[in-house]
Amino acid sequence: MFHDLKEICANCGCTKGAHCGTGYYSDHYKMYIPYDYCPGHEGRMDWDQGPGTVFKSSGKFVDGEDN
């Protein structure tokens, strides 16, 4: 399970663990944030600039292991 969270997203380059852990409506962004949504910080996805992306499996992991 924890190894799965270390997989790198092919869309944003963050780990799966950095993605949104649940779907919810954001009053701040006035939009629904889906489960596994790419993070909106550190110069990556800006949630208020469009629909963004969700986690896409790359088969690569932070610890260097391939799937």
C-alpha atoms as a PDB file:
ATOM      1  CA  MET A   1       0.000   0.000   0.000  1.00  0.00           C
ATOM      2  CA  PHE A   2       2.601   2.585   0.994  1.00  0.00           C
ATOM      3  CA  HIS A   3       4.755   1.570  -1.958  1.00  0.00           C
ATOM      4  CA  ASP A   4       1.778   2.368  -4.225  1.00  0.00           C
ATOM      5  CA  LEU A   5       1.712   5.932  -2.847  1.00  0.00           C
ATOM      6  CA  LYS A   6       5.329   6.426  -4.039  1.00  0.00           C
ATOM      7  CA  GLU A   7       4.418   5.974  -7.712  1.00  0.00           C
ATOM      8  CA  ILE A   8       5.153   9.075  -9.797  1.00  0.00           C
ATOM      9  CA  CYS A   9       2.282  10.653 -11.722  1.00  0.00           C
ATOM     10  CA  ALA A  10       2.827  10.866 -15.483  1.00  0.00           C
ATOM     11  CA  ASN A  11       0.818  14.114 -15.551  1.00  0.00           C
ATOM     12  CA  CYS A  12       2.413  16.260 -12.854  1.00  0.00           C
ATOM     13  CA  GLY A  13       5.503  14.429 -11.573  1.00  0.00           C
ATOM     14  CA  CYS A  14       4.298  14.243  -7.960  1.00  0.00           C
ATOM     15  CA  THR A  15       3.820  10.982  -6.093  1.00  0.00           C
ATOM     16  CA  LYS A  16       0.384   9.372  -5.831  1.00  0.00           C
ATOM     17  CA  GLY A  17       0.442  10.181  -2.117  1.00  0.00           C
ATOM     18  CA  ALA A  18       0.584  13.911  -2.964  1.00  0.00           C
ATOM     19  CA  HIS A  19      -2.726  13.732  -4.832  1.00  0.00           C
ATOM     20  CA  CYS A  20      -6.145  14.541  -3.415  1.00  0.00           C
ATOM     21  CA  GLY A  21      -7.228  11.665  -1.167  1.00  0.00           C
ATOM     22  CA  THR A  22     -10.965  12.270  -1.547  1.00  0.00           C
ATOM     23  CA  GLY A  23     -13.401  14.032  -3.851  1.00  0.00           C
ATOM     24  CA  TYR A  24     -15.034  17.206  -2.499  1.00  0.00           C
ATOM     25  CA  TYR A  25     -16.481  20.565  -3.492  1.00  0.00           C
ATOM     26  CA  SER A  26     -14.070  23.436  -2.845  1.00  0.00           C
ATOM     27  CA  ASP A  27     -15.735  26.680  -1.785  1.00  0.00           C
ATOM     28  CA  HIS A  28     -12.441  28.462  -2.425  1.00  0.00           C
ATOM     29  CA  TYR A  29     -12.055  27.283  -6.040  1.00  0.00           C
ATOM     30  CA  LYS A  30     -15.818  27.021  -6.662  1.00  0.00           C
ATOM     31  CA  MET A  31     -15.413  23.600  -8.248  1.00  0.00           C
ATOM     32  CA  TYR A  32     -15.552  19.900  -7.499  1.00  0.00           C
ATOM     33  CA  ILE A  33     -12.086  18.485  -6.762  1.00  0.00           C
ATOM     34  CA  PRO A  34     -12.094  14.811  -7.825  1.00  0.00           C
ATOM     35  CA  TYR A  35     -10.335  11.918  -6.090  1.00  0.00           C
ATOM     36  CA  ASP A  36      -6.660  11.608  -7.141  1.00  0.00           C
ATOM     37  CA  TYR A  37      -6.595  15.184  -8.474  1.00  0.00           C
ATOM     38  CA  CYS A  38      -3.087  16.463  -9.170  1.00  0.00           C
ATOM     39  CA  PRO A  39      -1.837  18.814  -6.437  1.00  0.00           C
ATOM     40  CA  GLY A  40      -2.218  22.557  -6.893  1.00  0.00           C
ATOM     41  CA  HIS A  41       0.996  23.768  -5.295  1.00  0.00           C
ATOM     42  CA  GLU A  42       4.733  24.171  -5.921  1.00  0.00           C
ATOM     43  CA  GLY A  43       4.262  25.434  -9.481  1.00  0.00           C
ATOM     44  CA  ARG A  44       2.291  22.425 -10.634  1.00  0.00           C
ATOM     45  CA  MET A  45      -1.444  22.335 -11.351  1.00  0.00           C
ATOM     46  CA  ASP A  46      -3.284  25.585 -10.597  1.00  0.00           C
ATOM     47  CA  TRP A  47      -6.793  24.476  -9.681  1.00  0.00           C
ATOM     48  CA  ASP A  48      -8.312  27.887 -10.448  1.00  0.00           C
ATOM     49  CA  GLN A  49      -6.811  27.904 -13.973  1.00  0.00           C
ATOM     50  CA  GLY A  50      -8.872  25.068 -15.396  1.00  0.00           C
ATOM     51  CA  PRO A  51      -9.994  21.514 -14.860  1.00  0.00           C
ATOM     52  CA  GLY A  52      -6.523  20.114 -14.111  1.00  0.00           C
ATOM     53  CA  THR A  53      -5.678  16.432 -14.267  1.00  0.00           C
ATOM     54  CA  VAL A  54      -5.950  13.318 -12.145  1.00  0.00           C
ATOM     55  CA  PHE A  55      -3.249  10.789 -11.278  1.00  0.00           C
ATOM     56  CA  LYS A  56      -1.930   8.855 -14.290  1.00  0.00           C
ATOM     57  CA  SER A  57       0.184   5.779 -13.609  1.00  0.00           C
ATOM     58  CA  SER A  58       3.758   5.964 -14.897  1.00  0.00           C
ATOM     59  CA  GLY A  59       5.088   2.683 -13.503  1.00  0.00           C
ATOM     60  CA  LYS A  60       7.982   4.627 -11.917  1.00  0.00           C
ATOM     61  CA  PHE A  61       8.490   5.089  -8.213  1.00  0.00           C
ATOM     62  CA  VAL A  62      10.339   7.572  -5.989  1.00  0.00           C
ATOM     63  CA  ASP A  63      12.540   4.775  -4.632  1.00  0.00           C
ATOM     64  CA  GLY A  64      13.599   3.870  -8.197  1.00  0.00           C
ATOM     65  CA  GLU A  65      11.663   0.615  -8.476  1.00  0.00           C
ATOM     66  CA  ASP A  66       9.741  -0.075 -11.675  1.00  0.00           C
ATOM     67  CA  ASN A  67       6.457  -1.912 -11.758  1.00  0.00           C
END
